[in-house]
Amino acid sequence: MTYAESVAGTVAIPGKIIRFLEEGANAAYAGARDRNLVPRGYRVSGWQIDATGCRLTALIPASADPRLLESLLDNGAIALTFEEVGTHETYQIKGRYVSHRPVHSAEIDIANRTRERFGKALHSLYRDQRFTALAKASIPDPTVAVEVEVHEVFLQTPGPGAGGRLVPPPEAASVR
């Protein structure tokens, strides 16, 4: 895919979903395929949306970054799934790898906020401080920031409409 084709496919994440990502989502995973198209899943420690809503930065822990980066450099496709544990509200964002770099200190703070949201959600379900502490510790500090250009947004919340594309609207696919 050329850069021009990639830009033509860029979409903005709807404001409602941006608010969910910034305030509600507390667990995320990245999916990518290697050069043989073998899929793998990776933990995401935090995320940030740019001002346009068309780019997302996924904060990836050291345990995932070598394999994930290798896959992204091979084919560039990535799917990121975000959930609010407890409510099961879930969205998937598909896009293309743009770049990667070491995380900044402010991005460690973003991962810490994700960790706190995750712990709070689990504590409201289980009321066990030891379990909550262990769950929070399961979100590792990120080491690499992966910038992703957004191409599609899907509803993944269990129930009617799960798996349906929200952006671009399904009828726009036949036009592209």
C-alpha atoms as a PDB file:
ATOM      1  CA  MET A   1       0.000   0.000   0.000  1.00  0.00           C
ATOM      2  CA  THR A   2       1.374   3.406  -0.928  1.00  0.00           C
ATOM      3  CA  TYR A   3       1.342   6.357   1.450  1.00  0.00           C
ATOM      4  CA  ALA A   4      -1.346   8.065  -0.675  1.00  0.00           C
ATOM      5  CA  GLU A   5      -3.579   4.979  -0.464  1.00  0.00           C
ATOM      6  CA  SER A   6      -2.991   4.802   3.279  1.00  0.00           C
ATOM      7  CA  VAL A   7      -3.958   8.452   3.853  1.00  0.00           C
ATOM      8  CA  ALA A   8      -7.062   8.016   1.698  1.00  0.00           C
ATOM      9  CA  GLY A   9      -8.216   5.254   4.057  1.00  0.00           C
ATOM     10  CA  THR A  10      -7.707   7.244   7.258  1.00  0.00           C
ATOM     11  CA  VAL A  11     -10.791   7.855   9.393  1.00  0.00           C
ATOM     12  CA  ALA A  12     -11.467   9.686  12.646  1.00  0.00           C
ATOM     13  CA  ILE A  13     -12.524   7.825  15.764  1.00  0.00           C
ATOM     14  CA  PRO A  14     -15.970   9.129  16.820  1.00  0.00           C
ATOM     15  CA  GLY A  15     -15.933  11.466  19.832  1.00  0.00           C
ATOM     16  CA  LYS A  16     -18.021   9.096  21.964  1.00  0.00           C
ATOM     17  CA  ILE A  17     -15.451   6.338  21.456  1.00  0.00           C
ATOM     18  CA  ILE A  18     -12.536   8.718  22.131  1.00  0.00           C
ATOM     19  CA  ARG A  19     -14.164   9.585  25.476  1.00  0.00           C
ATOM     20  CA  PHE A  20     -14.566   5.870  26.190  1.00  0.00           C
ATOM     21  CA  LEU A  21     -10.884   5.246  25.375  1.00  0.00           C
ATOM     22  CA  GLU A  22      -9.770   8.131  27.581  1.00  0.00           C
ATOM     23  CA  GLU A  23     -12.108   7.568  30.550  1.00  0.00           C
ATOM     24  CA  GLY A  24     -13.562   4.053  30.547  1.00  0.00           C
ATOM     25  CA  ALA A  25     -11.386   1.549  28.714  1.00  0.00           C
ATOM     26  CA  ASN A  26      -9.064  -0.273  31.085  1.00  0.00           C
ATOM     27  CA  ALA A  27      -7.725  -3.235  29.098  1.00  0.00           C
ATOM     28  CA  ALA A  28      -6.310  -3.452  25.586  1.00  0.00           C
ATOM     29  CA  TYR A  29      -4.660  -5.902  23.250  1.00  0.00           C
ATOM     30  CA  ALA A  30      -2.955  -5.535  19.898  1.00  0.00           C
ATOM     31  CA  GLY A  31      -3.184  -8.122  17.152  1.00  0.00           C
ATOM     32  CA  ALA A  32      -0.750  -8.336  14.266  1.00  0.00           C
ATOM     33  CA  ARG A  33       0.334 -10.940  11.722  1.00  0.00           C
ATOM     34  CA  ASP A  34       3.899 -11.863  10.907  1.00  0.00           C
ATOM     35  CA  ARG A  35       5.304 -12.212   7.370  1.00  0.00           C
ATOM     36  CA  ASN A  36       3.639 -15.642   7.103  1.00  0.00           C
ATOM     37  CA  LEU A  37       0.326 -14.071   8.201  1.00  0.00           C
ATOM     38  CA  VAL A  38       0.390 -15.978  11.494  1.00  0.00           C
ATOM     39  CA  PRO A  39      -1.575 -13.892  14.027  1.00  0.00           C
ATOM     40  CA  ARG A  40      -0.345 -13.059  17.513  1.00  0.00           C
ATOM     41  CA  GLY A  41      -1.790 -11.058  20.377  1.00  0.00           C
ATOM     42  CA  TYR A  42       0.067  -8.573  22.560  1.00  0.00           C
ATOM     43  CA  ARG A  43      -0.757  -6.695  25.751  1.00  0.00           C
ATOM     44  CA  VAL A  44      -1.123  -2.905  25.491  1.00  0.00           C
ATOM     45  CA  SER A  45      -0.263  -0.903  28.621  1.00  0.00           C
ATOM     46  CA  GLY A  46      -1.853   2.386  27.609  1.00  0.00           C
ATOM     47  CA  TRP A  47      -2.909   4.505  24.660  1.00  0.00           C
ATOM     48  CA  GLN A  48      -3.372   8.049  23.501  1.00  0.00           C
ATOM     49  CA  ILE A  49      -5.439   9.549  20.676  1.00  0.00           C
ATOM     50  CA  ASP A  50      -4.125  12.542  18.715  1.00  0.00           C
ATOM     51  CA  ALA A  51      -6.134  15.771  18.380  1.00  0.00           C
ATOM     52  CA  THR A  52      -7.565  14.749  14.986  1.00  0.00           C
ATOM     53  CA  GLY A  53      -8.820  11.369  16.215  1.00  0.00           C
ATOM     54  CA  CYS A  54      -7.149   9.799  13.154  1.00  0.00           C
ATOM     55  CA  ARG A  55      -4.033   8.491  14.910  1.00  0.00           C
ATOM     56  CA  LEU A  56      -3.586   6.444  18.027  1.00  0.00           C
ATOM     57  CA  THR A  57      -0.400   5.763  19.959  1.00  0.00           C
ATOM     58  CA  ALA A  58      -0.332   2.323  21.594  1.00  0.00           C
ATOM     59  CA  LEU A  59       2.054   1.926  24.523  1.00  0.00           C
ATOM     60  CA  ILE A  60       3.632  -1.504  24.366  1.00  0.00           C
ATOM     61  CA  PRO A  61       5.575  -3.350  27.115  1.00  0.00           C
ATOM     62  CA  ALA A  62       9.039  -4.794  26.529  1.00  0.00           C
ATOM     63  CA  SER A  63       7.652  -8.342  26.617  1.00  0.00           C
ATOM     64  CA  ALA A  64       5.754  -7.692  23.373  1.00  0.00           C
ATOM     65  CA  ASP A  65       7.729  -5.092  21.495  1.00  0.00           C
ATOM     66  CA  PRO A  66      10.310  -7.166  19.541  1.00  0.00           C
ATOM     67  CA  ARG A  67       7.762  -9.575  18.047  1.00  0.00           C
ATOM     68  CA  LEU A  68       5.102  -6.942  17.511  1.00  0.00           C
ATOM     69  CA  LEU A  69       7.515  -4.541  15.829  1.00  0.00           C
ATOM     70  CA  GLU A  70       8.810  -7.307  13.579  1.00  0.00           C
ATOM     71  CA  SER A  71       5.254  -8.098  12.470  1.00  0.00           C
ATOM     72  CA  LEU A  72       4.405  -4.432  11.933  1.00  0.00           C
ATOM     73  CA  LEU A  73       7.529  -3.871   9.880  1.00  0.00           C
ATOM     74  CA  ASP A  74       6.638  -6.955   7.796  1.00  0.00           C
ATOM     75  CA  ASN A  75       3.070  -6.042   6.867  1.00  0.00           C
ATOM     76  CA  GLY A  76       1.937  -2.921   8.771  1.00  0.00           C
ATOM     77  CA  ALA A  77      -1.583  -4.114   9.647  1.00  0.00           C
ATOM     78  CA  ILE A  78      -2.662  -3.877  13.294  1.00  0.00           C
ATOM     79  CA  ALA A  79      -5.889  -4.351  15.219  1.00  0.00           C
ATOM     80  CA  LEU A  80      -6.302  -2.872  18.695  1.00  0.00           C
ATOM     81  CA  THR A  81      -9.117  -4.012  20.969  1.00  0.00           C
ATOM     82  CA  PHE A  82     -10.164  -1.888  23.958  1.00  0.00           C
ATOM     83  CA  GLU A  83     -12.483  -3.026  26.740  1.00  0.00           C
ATOM     84  CA  GLU A  84     -13.908  -1.707  29.943  1.00  0.00           C
ATOM     85  CA  VAL A  85     -13.625  -4.712  32.231  1.00  0.00           C
ATOM     86  CA  GLY A  86     -16.837  -4.974  34.204  1.00  0.00           C
ATOM     87  CA  THR A  87     -19.210  -3.534  31.609  1.00  0.00           C
ATOM     88  CA  HIS A  88     -17.668  -5.451  28.677  1.00  0.00           C
ATOM     89  CA  GLU A  89     -18.045  -2.370  26.461  1.00  0.00           C
ATOM     90  CA  THR A  90     -15.520  -3.091  23.724  1.00  0.00           C
ATOM     91  CA  TYR A  91     -14.308  -1.538  20.469  1.00  0.00           C
ATOM     92  CA  GLN A  92     -11.733  -2.622  17.919  1.00  0.00           C
ATOM     93  CA  ILE A  93      -9.670  -0.192  15.884  1.00  0.00           C
ATOM     94  CA  LYS A  94      -7.927  -1.434  12.759  1.00  0.00           C
ATOM     95  CA  GLY A  95      -5.207   0.523  11.096  1.00  0.00           C
ATOM     96  CA  ARG A  96      -1.679   0.756   9.750  1.00  0.00           C
ATOM     97  CA  TYR A  97       1.607   1.055  11.546  1.00  0.00           C
ATOM     98  CA  VAL A  98       3.178   4.498  11.062  1.00  0.00           C
ATOM     99  CA  SER A  99       6.217   4.543  13.359  1.00  0.00           C
ATOM    100  CA  HIS A 100       7.599   3.581  16.746  1.00  0.00           C
ATOM    101  CA  ARG A 101       9.872   5.168  19.345  1.00  0.00           C
ATOM    102  CA  PRO A 102      10.774   4.837  23.031  1.00  0.00           C
ATOM    103  CA  VAL A 103       8.034   6.007  25.412  1.00  0.00           C
ATOM    104  CA  HIS A 104       8.185   9.425  27.071  1.00  0.00           C
ATOM    105  CA  SER A 105       7.732   9.899  30.821  1.00  0.00           C
ATOM    106  CA  ALA A 106       4.245  11.371  30.276  1.00  0.00           C
ATOM    107  CA  GLU A 107       3.279   8.103  28.549  1.00  0.00           C
ATOM    108  CA  ILE A 108       4.281   6.137  31.641  1.00  0.00           C
ATOM    109  CA  ASP A 109       1.688   8.292  33.437  1.00  0.00           C
ATOM    110  CA  ILE A 110      -0.905   7.287  30.823  1.00  0.00           C
ATOM    111  CA  ALA A 111      -0.148   3.617  31.502  1.00  0.00           C
ATOM    112  CA  ASN A 112      -0.449   4.292  35.248  1.00  0.00           C
ATOM    113  CA  ARG A 113      -3.930   5.793  34.725  1.00  0.00           C
ATOM    114  CA  THR A 114      -4.919   2.716  32.702  1.00  0.00           C
ATOM    115  CA  ARG A 115      -3.626   0.505  35.510  1.00  0.00           C
ATOM    116  CA  GLU A 116      -5.647   2.477  38.090  1.00  0.00           C
ATOM    117  CA  ARG A 117      -8.862   2.237  36.010  1.00  0.00           C
ATOM    118  CA  PHE A 118      -8.299  -1.512  35.630  1.00  0.00           C
ATOM    119  CA  GLY A 119      -7.745  -1.979  39.366  1.00  0.00           C
ATOM    120  CA  LYS A 120     -10.782   0.137  40.268  1.00  0.00           C
ATOM    121  CA  ALA A 121     -13.019  -1.868  37.910  1.00  0.00           C
ATOM    122  CA  LEU A 122     -11.834  -5.194  39.306  1.00  0.00           C
ATOM    123  CA  HIS A 123     -12.108  -4.005  42.889  1.00  0.00           C
ATOM    124  CA  SER A 124     -15.737  -3.013  42.281  1.00  0.00           C
ATOM    125  CA  LEU A 125     -16.401  -6.568  41.092  1.00  0.00           C
ATOM    126  CA  TYR A 126     -14.381  -8.599  43.619  1.00  0.00           C
ATOM    127  CA  ARG A 127     -13.752  -6.321  46.657  1.00  0.00           C
ATOM    128  CA  ASP A 128     -10.418  -8.043  47.319  1.00  0.00           C
ATOM    129  CA  GLN A 129      -7.427  -5.718  47.734  1.00  0.00           C
ATOM    130  CA  ARG A 130      -4.857  -8.487  47.146  1.00  0.00           C
ATOM    131  CA  PHE A 131      -6.531  -9.527  43.901  1.00  0.00           C
ATOM    132  CA  THR A 132      -6.801  -5.886  42.813  1.00  0.00           C
ATOM    133  CA  ALA A 133      -3.095  -5.311  43.517  1.00  0.00           C
ATOM    134  CA  LEU A 134      -2.122  -8.402  41.523  1.00  0.00           C
ATOM    135  CA  ALA A 135      -4.376  -7.388  38.638  1.00  0.00           C
ATOM    136  CA  LYS A 136      -2.901  -3.884  38.525  1.00  0.00           C
ATOM    137  CA  ALA A 137       0.595  -5.377  38.544  1.00  0.00           C
ATOM    138  CA  SER A 138      -0.353  -7.408  35.457  1.00  0.00           C
ATOM    139  CA  ILE A 139      -0.205  -4.239  33.332  1.00  0.00           C
ATOM    140  CA  PRO A 140       3.516  -3.756  32.704  1.00  0.00           C
ATOM    141  CA  ASP A 141       5.179  -0.416  32.115  1.00  0.00           C
ATOM    142  CA  PRO A 142       5.458   0.361  28.408  1.00  0.00           C
ATOM    143  CA  THR A 143       8.789   0.739  26.651  1.00  0.00           C
ATOM    144  CA  VAL A 144       7.732   1.445  23.065  1.00  0.00           C
ATOM    145  CA  ALA A 145       5.139   3.819  21.627  1.00  0.00           C
ATOM    146  CA  VAL A 146       3.630   2.587  18.356  1.00  0.00           C
ATOM    147  CA  GLU A 147       1.821   5.153  16.240  1.00  0.00           C
ATOM    148  CA  VAL A 148      -1.133   3.796  14.262  1.00  0.00           C
ATOM    149  CA  GLU A 149      -3.166   5.430  11.517  1.00  0.00           C
ATOM    150  CA  VAL A 150      -6.860   4.581  12.077  1.00  0.00           C
ATOM    151  CA  HIS A 151      -8.717   2.971   9.133  1.00  0.00           C
ATOM    152  CA  GLU A 152     -11.743   1.276  10.715  1.00  0.00           C
ATOM    153  CA  VAL A 153     -13.614   1.196  14.025  1.00  0.00           C
ATOM    154  CA  PHE A 154     -15.783  -1.780  15.050  1.00  0.00           C
ATOM    155  CA  LEU A 155     -18.240  -2.422  17.861  1.00  0.00           C
ATOM    156  CA  GLN A 156     -17.175  -5.526  19.804  1.00  0.00           C
ATOM    157  CA  THR A 157     -19.425  -5.219  22.865  1.00  0.00           C
ATOM    158  CA  PRO A 158     -21.308  -8.509  23.265  1.00  0.00           C
ATOM    159  CA  GLY A 159     -24.892  -8.261  22.031  1.00  0.00           C
ATOM    160  CA  PRO A 160     -26.742  -7.004  18.964  1.00  0.00           C
ATOM    161  CA  GLY A 161     -24.404  -5.380  16.487  1.00  0.00           C
ATOM    162  CA  ALA A 162     -21.235  -6.983  17.859  1.00  0.00           C
ATOM    163  CA  GLY A 163     -18.647  -7.155  15.106  1.00  0.00           C
ATOM    164  CA  GLY A 164     -20.311  -4.429  13.065  1.00  0.00           C
ATOM    165  CA  ARG A 165     -18.214  -1.683  11.565  1.00  0.00           C
ATOM    166  CA  LEU A 166     -19.026   1.792  12.882  1.00  0.00           C
ATOM    167  CA  VAL A 167     -16.511   3.864  10.898  1.00  0.00           C
ATOM    168  CA  PRO A 168     -16.461   4.184   7.998  1.00  0.00           C
ATOM    169  CA  PRO A 169     -20.160   3.316   7.748  1.00  0.00           C
ATOM    170  CA  PRO A 170     -20.724  -0.089   6.101  1.00  0.00           C
ATOM    171  CA  GLU A 171     -22.263   1.494   2.979  1.00  0.00           C
ATOM    172  CA  ALA A 172     -19.064   3.558   2.485  1.00  0.00           C
ATOM    173  CA  ALA A 173     -17.056   0.350   1.973  1.00  0.00           C
ATOM    174  CA  SER A 174     -18.604  -0.301  -1.415  1.00  0.00           C
ATOM    175  CA  VAL A 175     -17.650   3.206  -2.535  1.00  0.00           C
ATOM    176  CA  ARG A 176     -13.972   2.877  -1.570  1.00  0.00           C
END
